[in-house]
C-alpha atoms as a PDB file:
ATOM      1  CA  MET A   1      86.773 135.111 127.886  1.00  0.00           C
ATOM      2  CA  SER A   2      84.086 136.192 125.825  1.00  0.00           C
ATOM      3  CA  ARG A   3      83.264 139.624 123.517  1.00  0.00           C
ATOM      4  CA  ILE A   4      80.251 139.885 126.217  1.00  0.00           C
ATOM      5  CA  SER A   5      82.262 139.376 129.202  1.00  0.00           C
ATOM      6  CA  VAL A   6      84.912 141.164 128.157  1.00  0.00           C
ATOM      7  CA  ARG A   7      82.783 144.573 126.928  1.00  0.00           C
ATOM      8  CA  GLY A   8      80.651 143.957 130.070  1.00  0.00           C
ATOM      9  CA  PHE A   9      83.933 144.501 132.256  1.00  0.00           C
ATOM     10  CA  ALA A  10      84.677 147.293 130.272  1.00  0.00           C
ATOM     11  CA  VAL A  11      81.465 149.198 131.134  1.00  0.00           C
ATOM     12  CA  ALA A  12      81.335 148.289 134.527  1.00  0.00           C
ATOM     13  CA  SER A  13      84.772 149.749 134.680  1.00  0.00           C
ATOM     14  CA  ALA A  14      84.239 152.875 132.896  1.00  0.00           C
ATOM     15  CA  THR A  15      81.029 153.140 135.718  1.00  0.00           C
ATOM     16  CA  ALA A  16      83.732 152.605 138.780  1.00  0.00           C
ATOM     17  CA  VAL A  17      85.688 155.326 137.485  1.00  0.00           C
ATOM     18  CA  THR A  18      82.713 157.535 136.752  1.00  0.00           C
ATOM     19  CA  THR A  19      81.761 156.955 140.140  1.00  0.00           C
ATOM     20  CA  VAL A  20      85.024 157.765 142.193  1.00  0.00           C
ATOM     21  CA  GLY A  21      85.715 160.578 139.459  1.00  0.00           C
ATOM     22  CA  ALA A  22      82.259 162.302 140.533  1.00  0.00           C
ATOM     23  CA  VAL A  23      83.078 161.578 144.146  1.00  0.00           C
ATOM     24  CA  VAL A  24      86.446 162.660 144.199  1.00  0.00           C
ATOM     25  CA  GLY A  25      85.137 166.055 142.153  1.00  0.00           C
ATOM     26  CA  VAL A  26      82.724 166.473 145.077  1.00  0.00           C
ATOM     27  CA  ALA A  27      85.330 166.206 147.663  1.00  0.00           C
ATOM     28  CA  SER A  28      87.646 168.871 145.829  1.00  0.00           C
ATOM     29  CA  GLY A  29      84.566 171.051 145.818  1.00  0.00           C
ATOM     30  CA  ALA A  30      84.121 170.764 149.520  1.00  0.00           C
ATOM     31  CA  ASP A  31      87.637 172.030 149.755  1.00  0.00           C
ATOM     32  CA  GLN A  32      87.201 175.123 147.895  1.00  0.00           C
ATOM     33  CA  GLY A  33      84.507 176.457 149.765  1.00  0.00           C
ATOM     34  CA  THR A  34      81.421 174.521 148.394  1.00  0.00           C
ATOM     35  CA  ALA A  35      80.397 172.853 151.748  1.00  0.00           C
ATOM     36  CA  HIS A  36      76.829 174.220 151.641  1.00  0.00           C
ATOM     37  CA  GLU A  37      76.241 172.439 148.877  1.00  0.00           C
ATOM     38  CA  PRO A  38      74.620 169.100 149.100  1.00  0.00           C
ATOM     39  CA  VAL A  39      77.021 165.777 148.669  1.00  0.00           C
ATOM     40  CA  GLU A  40      75.577 163.329 146.673  1.00  0.00           C
ATOM     41  CA  ALA A  41      76.179 159.882 147.893  1.00  0.00           C
ATOM     42  CA  ALA A  42      78.339 157.456 146.748  1.00  0.00           C
ATOM     43  CA  GLY A  43      75.726 154.849 145.912  1.00  0.00           C
ATOM     44  CA  THR A  44      73.705 157.487 143.719  1.00  0.00           C
ATOM     45  CA  THR A  45      73.224 156.853 139.806  1.00  0.00           C
ATOM     46  CA  THR A  46      75.488 159.214 137.723  1.00  0.00           C
ATOM     47  CA  LEU A  47      74.313 160.461 134.574  1.00  0.00           C
ATOM     48  CA  LEU A  48      76.880 160.402 131.549  1.00  0.00           C
ATOM     49  CA  ALA A  49      75.412 164.017 130.991  1.00  0.00           C
ATOM     50  CA  ASP A  50      76.713 164.629 134.736  1.00  0.00           C
ATOM     51  CA  ILE A  51      80.225 163.467 133.708  1.00  0.00           C
ATOM     52  CA  PRO A  52      82.871 166.355 132.620  1.00  0.00           C
ATOM     53  CA  ALA A  53      83.769 165.723 128.341  1.00  0.00           C
ATOM     54  CA  GLY A  54      87.310 165.114 129.474  1.00  0.00           C
ATOM     55  CA  GLN A  55      86.320 162.196 131.323  1.00  0.00           C
ATOM     56  CA  GLN A  56      83.933 160.900 129.106  1.00  0.00           C
ATOM     57  CA  VAL A  57      86.278 160.690 126.282  1.00  0.00           C
ATOM     58  CA  GLN A  58      88.939 158.645 128.631  1.00  0.00           C
ATOM     59  CA  GLN A  59      86.476 156.411 129.553  1.00  0.00           C
ATOM     60  CA  ALA A  60      85.256 156.071 125.830  1.00  0.00           C
ATOM     61  CA  SER A  61      88.690 155.171 125.067  1.00  0.00           C
ATOM     62  CA  LEU A  62      89.106 152.683 127.811  1.00  0.00           C
ATOM     63  CA  THR A  63      86.088 150.612 126.480  1.00  0.00           C
ATOM     64  CA  ASP A  64      87.351 150.967 122.775  1.00  0.00           C
ATOM     65  CA  GLN A  65      90.650 149.682 124.065  1.00  0.00           C
ATOM     66  CA  VAL A  66      89.098 146.462 125.386  1.00  0.00           C
ATOM     67  CA  MET A  67      86.829 145.711 122.688  1.00  0.00           C
ATOM     68  CA  ALA A  68      89.756 146.237 120.398  1.00  0.00           C
ATOM     69  CA  GLN A  69      92.111 143.595 122.505  1.00  0.00           C
ATOM     70  CA  SER A  70      88.536 141.362 122.402  1.00  0.00           C
ATOM     71  CA  ASP A  71      88.303 141.566 118.787  1.00  0.00           C
ATOM     72  CA  ALA A  72      92.109 140.547 118.332  1.00  0.00           C
ATOM     73  CA  ALA A  73      92.028 137.765 120.907  1.00  0.00           C
ATOM     74  CA  ASP A  74      88.944 136.287 119.047  1.00  0.00           C
ATOM     75  CA  ALA A  75      90.683 136.738 115.744  1.00  0.00           C
ATOM     76  CA  THR A  76      93.756 134.837 117.073  1.00  0.00           C
ATOM     77  CA  ALA A  77      91.523 132.173 118.039  1.00  0.00           C
ATOM     78  CA  ARG A  78      89.812 131.916 114.793  1.00  0.00           C
ATOM     79  CA  GLN A  79      93.152 131.810 113.319  1.00  0.00           C
ATOM     80  CA  ALA A  80      94.663 128.909 115.797  1.00  0.00           C
ATOM     81  CA  ALA A  81      91.157 126.857 114.808  1.00  0.00           C
ATOM     82  CA  GLU A  82      91.509 126.923 111.169  1.00  0.00           C
ATOM     83  CA  GLN A  83      95.118 126.007 110.943  1.00  0.00           C
ATOM     84  CA  ASP A  84      94.370 123.243 113.176  1.00  0.00           C
ATOM     85  CA  ALA A  85      91.567 122.414 110.880  1.00  0.00           C
ATOM     86  CA  ARG A  86      93.861 122.451 107.890  1.00  0.00           C
ATOM     87  CA  LYS A  87      96.593 120.212 109.420  1.00  0.00           C
ATOM     88  CA  GLN A  88      94.092 117.721 110.388  1.00  0.00           C
ATOM     89  CA  ALA A  89      92.581 117.478 107.078  1.00  0.00           C
ATOM     90  CA  ALA A  90      95.855 117.330 105.241  1.00  0.00           C
ATOM     91  CA  GLN A  91      96.915 114.078 107.688  1.00  0.00           C
ATOM     92  CA  ASP A  92      93.485 112.568 106.836  1.00  0.00           C
ATOM     93  CA  ALA A  93      94.549 112.881 103.352  1.00  0.00           C
ATOM     94  CA  ALA A  94      97.978 111.602 103.412  1.00  0.00           C
ATOM     95  CA  ALA A  95      96.307 108.983 105.785  1.00  0.00           C
ATOM     96  CA  LYS A  96      93.769 107.867 103.425  1.00  0.00           C
ATOM     97  CA  LYS A  97      96.121 108.071 100.506  1.00  0.00           C
ATOM     98  CA  LYS A  98      98.742 105.842 102.076  1.00  0.00           C
ATOM     99  CA  ALA A  99      95.644 103.161 102.701  1.00  0.00           C
ATOM    100  CA  ALA A 100      94.631 103.718  98.788  1.00  0.00           C
ATOM    101  CA  ASP A 101      97.923 102.917  97.848  1.00  0.00           C
ATOM    102  CA  GLU A 102      98.772 100.004 100.135  1.00  0.00           C
ATOM    103  CA  ALA A 103      95.711  98.396  99.079  1.00  0.00           C
ATOM    104  CA  ALA A 104      96.693  99.046  95.470  1.00  0.00           C
ATOM    105  CA  ALA A 105      99.485  97.705  96.032  1.00  0.00           C
ATOM    106  CA  LYS A 106      98.367  94.040  97.036  1.00  0.00           C
ATOM    107  CA  ALA A 107      95.941  94.226  94.086  1.00  0.00           C
ATOM    108  CA  ARG A 108      98.607  94.360  91.458  1.00  0.00           C
ATOM    109  CA  GLU A 109     101.011  91.697  93.429  1.00  0.00           C
ATOM    110  CA  LYS A 110      97.986  89.564  93.495  1.00  0.00           C
ATOM    111  CA  THR A 111      97.061  90.058  89.508  1.00  0.00           C
ATOM    112  CA  LEU A 112     101.004  89.839  88.997  1.00  0.00           C
ATOM    113  CA  ALA A 113     101.110  86.570  91.200  1.00  0.00           C
ATOM    114  CA  ALA A 114      98.357  84.931  89.547  1.00  0.00           C
ATOM    115  CA  SER A 115      99.883  85.711  86.065  1.00  0.00           C
ATOM    116  CA  ARG A 116     103.156  84.533  87.128  1.00  0.00           C
ATOM    117  CA  GLY A 117     101.793  81.199  88.185  1.00  0.00           C
ATOM    118  CA  ASP A 118     103.192  79.006  91.139  1.00  0.00           C
ATOM    119  CA  SER A 119     105.385  76.198  89.701  1.00  0.00           C
ATOM    120  CA  ARG A 120     105.949  74.676  93.312  1.00  0.00           C
ATOM    121  CA  ALA A 121     102.132  74.200  93.830  1.00  0.00           C
ATOM    122  CA  THR A 122     101.157  70.837  94.176  1.00  0.00           C
ATOM    123  CA  PHE A 123      98.122  68.714  93.801  1.00  0.00           C
ATOM    124  CA  PRO A 124      96.557  65.463  95.715  1.00  0.00           C
ATOM    125  CA  LEU A 125      97.520  62.266  93.731  1.00  0.00           C
ATOM    126  CA  GLN A 126      94.756  60.450  92.132  1.00  0.00           C
ATOM    127  CA  PRO A 127      94.418  57.288  89.835  1.00  0.00           C
ATOM    128  CA  SER A 128      93.171  59.944  86.867  1.00  0.00           C
ATOM    129  CA  TYR A 129      92.590  62.899  85.449  1.00  0.00           C
ATOM    130  CA  THR A 130      90.074  64.560  83.905  1.00  0.00           C
ATOM    131  CA  VAL A 131      91.117  66.891  80.956  1.00  0.00           C
ATOM    132  CA  ALA A 132      89.140  69.968  82.850  1.00  0.00           C
ATOM    133  CA  GLU A 133      91.179  69.024  85.856  1.00  0.00           C
ATOM    134  CA  VAL A 134      94.524  68.783  83.711  1.00  0.00           C
ATOM    135  CA  LYS A 135      93.945  72.420  82.565  1.00  0.00           C
ATOM    136  CA  ALA A 136      93.344  73.669  86.053  1.00  0.00           C
ATOM    137  CA  MET A 137      96.792  72.480  87.222  1.00  0.00           C
ATOM    138  CA  ALA A 138      98.347  74.264  84.134  1.00  0.00           C
ATOM    139  CA  LYS A 139      96.208  77.372  84.686  1.00  0.00           C
ATOM    140  CA  GLN A 140      97.965  77.506  88.435  1.00  0.00           C
ATOM    141  CA  ILE A 141     101.557  76.786  87.736  1.00  0.00           C
ATOM    142  CA  VAL A 142     101.781  78.488  84.759  1.00  0.00           C
ATOM    143  CA  GLY A 143      99.599  81.328  85.372  1.00  0.00           C
ATOM    144  CA  SER A 144      97.360  83.552  83.431  1.00  0.00           C
ATOM    145  CA  GLY A 145      99.247  85.655  81.471  1.00  0.00           C
ATOM    146  CA  GLN A 146     100.955  82.755  80.004  1.00  0.00           C
ATOM    147  CA  TYR A 147      98.332  79.896  79.847  1.00  0.00           C
ATOM    148  CA  ALA A 148      96.698  80.675  76.457  1.00  0.00           C
ATOM    149  CA  CYS A 149      99.959  80.379  74.992  1.00  0.00           C
ATOM    150  CA  PHE A 150     100.763  77.536  76.293  1.00  0.00           C
ATOM    151  CA  SER A 151      97.273  75.811  76.526  1.00  0.00           C
ATOM    152  CA  ASN A 152      97.375  76.275  72.739  1.00  0.00           C
ATOM    153  CA  ILE A 153     100.780  74.254  72.401  1.00  0.00           C
ATOM    154  CA  VAL A 154      99.421  71.470  74.672  1.00  0.00           C
ATOM    155  CA  THR A 155      96.856  71.319  72.779  1.00  0.00           C
ATOM    156  CA  ARG A 156      98.600  70.741  69.527  1.00  0.00           C
ATOM    157  CA  GLU A 157     101.124  68.809  70.800  1.00  0.00           C
ATOM    158  CA  SER A 158      98.882  66.284  72.660  1.00  0.00           C
ATOM    159  CA  GLY A 159      94.964  67.338  72.929  1.00  0.00           C
ATOM    160  CA  TRP A 160      95.729  67.478  76.840  1.00  0.00           C
ATOM    161  CA  ASP A 161      96.419  63.511  77.469  1.00  0.00           C
ATOM    162  CA  TYR A 162      99.142  63.156  79.877  1.00  0.00           C
ATOM    163  CA  TYR A 163      99.677  59.366  78.330  1.00  0.00           C
ATOM    164  CA  ALA A 164      99.805  60.583  74.480  1.00  0.00           C
ATOM    165  CA  THR A 165     103.244  58.975  72.948  1.00  0.00           C
ATOM    166  CA  ASN A 166     104.212  59.946  69.573  1.00  0.00           C
ATOM    167  CA  GLN A 167     104.995  55.911  68.090  1.00  0.00           C
ATOM    168  CA  SER A 168     107.335  57.261  65.548  1.00  0.00           C
ATOM    169  CA  SER A 169     109.477  59.731  67.657  1.00  0.00           C
ATOM    170  CA  GLY A 170     109.193  58.260  71.042  1.00  0.00           C
ATOM    171  CA  ALA A 171     107.841  61.855  72.551  1.00  0.00           C
ATOM    172  CA  TYR A 172     105.631  61.620  75.557  1.00  0.00           C
ATOM    173  CA  GLY A 173     102.689  63.148  77.322  1.00  0.00           C
ATOM    174  CA  LEU A 174     101.502  66.804  77.535  1.00  0.00           C
ATOM    175  CA  VAL A 175     104.271  68.794  76.004  1.00  0.00           C
ATOM    176  CA  GLN A 176     106.005  65.831  73.995  1.00  0.00           C
ATOM    177  CA  ALA A 177     109.033  65.771  75.420  1.00  0.00           C
ATOM    178  CA  LEU A 178     111.840  63.745  73.471  1.00  0.00           C
ATOM    179  CA  PRO A 179     112.818  61.503  74.910  1.00  0.00           C
ATOM    180  CA  GLY A 180     109.929  61.377  77.840  1.00  0.00           C
ATOM    181  CA  SER A 181     112.370  60.576  80.531  1.00  0.00           C
ATOM    182  CA  LYS A 182     113.756  64.102  80.452  1.00  0.00           C
ATOM    183  CA  MET A 183     110.756  64.768  82.480  1.00  0.00           C
ATOM    184  CA  ALA A 184     112.151  62.773  85.370  1.00  0.00           C
ATOM    185  CA  SER A 185     114.378  66.309  86.495  1.00  0.00           C
ATOM    186  CA  ALA A 186     110.705  67.335  87.493  1.00  0.00           C
ATOM    187  CA  GLY A 187     109.517  64.411  89.362  1.00  0.00           C
ATOM    188  CA  SER A 188     109.855  60.660  89.208  1.00  0.00           C
ATOM    189  CA  ASP A 189     106.330  60.307  88.474  1.00  0.00           C
ATOM    190  CA  TRP A 190     106.609  62.094  85.000  1.00  0.00           C
ATOM    191  CA  ARG A 191     104.798  59.045  83.681  1.00  0.00           C
ATOM    192  CA  THR A 192     101.806  59.371  85.482  1.00  0.00           C
ATOM    193  CA  ASN A 193     101.641  62.639  86.997  1.00  0.00           C
ATOM    194  CA  PRO A 194     100.168  65.925  84.542  1.00  0.00           C
ATOM    195  CA  ALA A 195     101.345  68.047  87.217  1.00  0.00           C
ATOM    196  CA  THR A 196     105.056  66.963  86.843  1.00  0.00           C
ATOM    197  CA  GLN A 197     104.593  66.724  83.092  1.00  0.00           C
ATOM    198  CA  ILE A 198     103.230  70.649  83.201  1.00  0.00           C
ATOM    199  CA  LYS A 199     106.015  71.787  85.338  1.00  0.00           C
ATOM    200  CA  TRP A 200     109.016  70.443  83.330  1.00  0.00           C
ATOM    201  CA  GLY A 201     106.911  71.424  79.756  1.00  0.00           C
ATOM    202  CA  LEU A 202     106.966  75.442  81.477  1.00  0.00           C
ATOM    203  CA  ASN A 203     110.300  75.290  82.660  1.00  0.00           C
ATOM    204  CA  TYR A 204     111.713  73.895  78.933  1.00  0.00           C
ATOM    205  CA  MET A 205     109.671  76.824  77.401  1.00  0.00           C
ATOM    206  CA  ASN A 206     110.888  79.362  79.592  1.00  0.00           C
ATOM    207  CA  SER A 207     114.811  78.429  79.417  1.00  0.00           C
ATOM    208  CA  ARG A 208     114.696  77.828  75.400  1.00  0.00           C
ATOM    209  CA  TYR A 209     112.347  80.512  74.242  1.00  0.00           C
ATOM    210  CA  GLY A 210     112.079  82.884  77.093  1.00  0.00           C
ATOM    211  CA  SER A 211     108.465  82.077  78.099  1.00  0.00           C
ATOM    212  CA  PRO A 212     105.406  79.883  76.912  1.00  0.00           C
ATOM    213  CA  CYS A 213     104.129  83.059  74.276  1.00  0.00           C
ATOM    214  CA  ASP A 214     107.305  82.847  72.952  1.00  0.00           C
ATOM    215  CA  ALA A 215     107.243  79.413  72.445  1.00  0.00           C
ATOM    216  CA  TRP A 216     104.077  79.420  71.029  1.00  0.00           C
ATOM    217  CA  ALA A 217     105.082  82.717  68.180  1.00  0.00           C
ATOM    218  CA  TYR A 218     107.946  79.931  67.349  1.00  0.00           C
ATOM    219  CA  TRP A 219     105.568  76.690  67.173  1.00  0.00           C
ATOM    220  CA  GLN A 220     103.425  79.080  64.845  1.00  0.00           C
ATOM    221  CA  VAL A 221     106.168  79.232  62.443  1.00  0.00           C
ATOM    222  CA  HIS A 222     107.694  76.002  62.760  1.00  0.00           C
ATOM    223  CA  HIS A 223     104.700  73.898  63.697  1.00  0.00           C
ATOM    224  CA  ASN A 224     107.221  71.946  66.826  1.00  0.00           C
ATOM    225  CA  TYR A 225     109.228  73.692  69.267  1.00  0.00           C
END
């Protein structure tokens, strides 16, 4: 119920009380010997000045109580609405934060995956491979986080020639495995498939030095690895 309707009810109630009080007062006067005085009809308007002071105070008190109850109801409704709004805002903020955290976690995982590389990656077999194609294979297998170090070693060992052969030692391939047949552990096509040579070289660097970058640090001092 709105404040306007409540106050309207209060005024209507007060008017009803006034009218009934006036009729009762007239009836009482008639009983006491004032039968000759004209009796005011029930539908006649009663002015506030015609109402005894005591009844005016009682009616004003009733109106104030109704208005106070209306104000209290409005305040309670406002508080409930504000509380609901705060609760909804908190829920929305939590949902947005969760979505942002999940998106950030996926982005980090994607970055880490690219950095770690994929040693299980496969590539279509070709009769031959360009240096650019071999480097692209290495970047995918080794990962962006270690690729630069791996590339530094391969560039100095074989110049990215997967057929490179050291005539004096017999070292073979991109990473100059010695002997070259060691790379058979990564695949029987180690002689002609640069991807097989890259996988073997990455595993060798990881197992012996910890990572391609650690292998590169060793190479810079000793010029071999």
